[in-house]
Amino acid sequence: MKRRLERIDESIARYLSQLETADRHGDAVPEAKVERLKGKIEKLKEEIIRLNTINAEMIKSEDKQISLTDPDARSMATSGKDTGIVGYNVHIAVDTQHHLIRLSKSWQIAAITMARRSGPARKPTSR
């Protein structure tokens, strides 16, 4: 989040610099370009507000993570530098008395969510 906000600040600074240059050159710079730069700055300011809202929610969360697509998914580290994957950490246990496999609650929720997204099961058609 911090890096994304820094990049947005850099972009705004770059656009402001371009606007200052346009002001110095006066009528030589088309008004459409000036308006386009102002529009970009406005969109970036809106993005900052959106990201700050998400950041506040993330800080309030128990594990300091938030997934915008699936609330049950979490970021997990991978072997690459500064890389990760958003997914599920599945835990399976075997009941030794009855020899049944038990899934964790988060895996059950993930399975139900995926089933709902894929829609109703279809019967295979014969040809």
Protein backbone atom coordinates (compact mmCIF):
# COMPACT_ATOMS: atom_id res chain seq x y z
CA MET A 1 0.00 0.00 0.00
CA LYS A 2 2.83 2.33 0.95
CA ARG A 3 4.62 1.78 -2.38
CA ARG A 4 1.41 2.33 -4.36
CA LEU A 5 0.70 5.61 -2.58
CA GLU A 6 4.30 6.73 -3.18
CA ARG A 7 3.93 6.00 -6.90
CA ILE A 8 0.70 7.99 -7.03
CA ASP A 9 2.42 10.94 -5.29
CA GLU A 10 5.24 10.75 -7.86
CA SER A 11 2.73 10.76 -10.71
CA ILE A 12 0.90 13.77 -9.28
CA ALA A 13 4.20 15.63 -8.89
CA ARG A 14 5.08 14.81 -12.51
CA TYR A 15 1.70 16.04 -13.78
CA LEU A 16 1.96 19.23 -11.71
CA SER A 17 5.40 19.85 -13.19
CA GLN A 18 3.94 19.44 -16.68
CA LEU A 19 1.17 21.92 -15.81
CA GLU A 20 3.77 24.44 -14.61
CA THR A 21 5.64 24.04 -17.89
CA ALA A 22 2.38 24.55 -19.78
CA ASP A 23 1.72 27.73 -17.78
CA ARG A 24 5.15 29.09 -18.69
CA HIS A 25 4.60 28.40 -22.40
CA GLY A 26 1.17 30.01 -22.38
CA ASP A 27 -0.86 29.58 -25.58
CA ALA A 28 1.72 27.22 -27.15
CA VAL A 29 0.26 24.29 -25.15
CA PRO A 30 -3.19 23.08 -26.23
CA GLU A 31 -5.98 23.55 -23.67
CA ALA A 32 -6.98 19.89 -24.18
CA LYS A 33 -3.60 18.75 -22.83
CA VAL A 34 -3.96 20.97 -19.76
CA GLU A 35 -7.46 19.61 -19.09
CA ARG A 36 -6.24 16.03 -19.57
CA LEU A 37 -3.46 16.59 -17.00
CA LYS A 38 -5.93 18.10 -14.53
CA GLY A 39 -8.24 15.11 -15.06
CA LYS A 40 -5.41 12.68 -14.37
CA ILE A 41 -4.52 14.50 -11.16
CA GLU A 42 -8.16 14.43 -10.05
CA LYS A 43 -8.43 10.67 -10.71
CA LEU A 44 -5.23 10.03 -8.76
CA LYS A 45 -6.56 12.04 -5.81
CA GLU A 46 -9.72 9.90 -5.88
CA GLU A 47 -7.52 6.79 -5.94
CA ILE A 48 -5.65 8.04 -2.86
CA ILE A 49 -8.96 8.42 -1.01
CA ARG A 50 -10.02 4.91 -2.08
CA LEU A 51 -6.69 3.38 -1.02
CA ASN A 52 -6.73 5.18 2.33
CA THR A 53 -10.20 3.75 3.01
CA ILE A 54 -8.98 0.24 2.16
CA ASN A 55 -5.87 0.78 4.28
CA ALA A 56 -8.01 1.76 7.29
CA GLU A 57 -10.05 -1.45 6.88
CA MET A 58 -6.87 -3.48 6.53
CA ILE A 59 -5.38 -2.05 9.73
CA LYS A 60 -8.59 -2.92 11.62
CA SER A 61 -8.52 -6.54 10.41
CA GLU A 62 -7.14 -9.23 12.67
CA ASP A 63 -4.32 -10.37 10.38
CA LYS A 64 -3.69 -6.96 8.77
CA GLN A 65 -4.77 -8.27 5.35
CA ILE A 66 -7.77 -7.61 3.16
CA SER A 67 -8.82 -9.30 -0.04
CA LEU A 68 -10.94 -7.22 -2.38
CA THR A 69 -12.15 -10.24 -4.35
CA ASP A 70 -12.62 -12.97 -1.75
CA PRO A 71 -12.74 -12.22 1.98
CA ASP A 72 -11.50 -15.73 2.84
CA ALA A 73 -8.34 -15.55 0.70
CA ARG A 74 -5.03 -14.45 2.23
CA SER A 75 -1.64 -13.49 0.87
CA MET A 76 0.94 -16.25 1.26
CA ALA A 77 4.67 -15.89 0.67
CA THR A 78 6.36 -17.70 -2.20
CA SER A 79 10.01 -18.49 -2.81
CA GLY A 80 10.60 -15.41 -5.01
CA LYS A 81 11.79 -12.12 -3.61
CA ASP A 82 8.89 -9.85 -2.59
CA THR A 83 6.38 -12.15 -4.26
CA GLY A 84 3.31 -13.86 -3.00
CA ILE A 85 0.12 -15.51 -4.04
CA VAL A 86 -3.39 -14.92 -2.81
CA GLY A 87 -5.03 -18.20 -1.93
CA TYR A 88 -6.08 -20.52 0.84
CA ASN A 89 -4.05 -22.32 3.47
CA VAL A 90 -5.82 -25.67 3.59
CA HIS A 91 -5.70 -27.82 6.70
CA ILE A 92 -6.87 -31.41 6.55
CA ALA A 93 -7.03 -33.76 9.50
CA VAL A 94 -7.89 -37.46 9.66
CA ASP A 95 -10.14 -38.75 12.39
CA THR A 96 -8.16 -41.82 13.53
CA GLN A 97 -11.13 -43.48 15.15
CA HIS A 98 -13.48 -43.35 12.14
CA HIS A 99 -10.85 -42.79 9.40
CA LEU A 100 -12.70 -39.76 8.05
CA ILE A 101 -11.07 -36.72 6.52
CA ARG A 102 -12.04 -33.43 8.13
CA LEU A 103 -11.48 -30.10 6.40
CA SER A 104 -10.91 -26.83 8.19
CA LYS A 105 -13.73 -24.29 8.33
CA SER A 106 -11.92 -21.90 5.94
CA TRP A 107 -11.58 -24.66 3.35
CA GLN A 108 -15.27 -25.49 3.59
CA ILE A 109 -16.18 -21.84 3.07
CA ALA A 110 -13.80 -21.65 0.09
CA ALA A 111 -15.31 -24.79 -1.46
CA ILE A 112 -18.85 -23.46 -1.04
CA THR A 113 -17.85 -20.08 -2.48
CA MET A 114 -16.21 -21.69 -5.52
CA ALA A 115 -19.23 -23.92 -6.09
CA ARG A 116 -21.58 -20.93 -6.00
CA ARG A 117 -19.43 -19.01 -8.47
CA SER A 118 -19.27 -21.86 -10.95
CA GLY A 119 -23.05 -22.21 -11.03
CA PRO A 120 -25.19 -25.33 -10.99
CA ALA A 121 -23.63 -28.61 -11.94
CA ARG A 122 -24.45 -29.78 -15.44
CA LYS A 123 -25.14 -33.32 -16.49
CA PRO A 124 -22.80 -34.64 -19.16
CA THR A 125 -24.42 -34.92 -22.54
CA SER A 126 -24.12 -38.08 -24.57
CA ARG A 127 -23.25 -37.93 -28.22
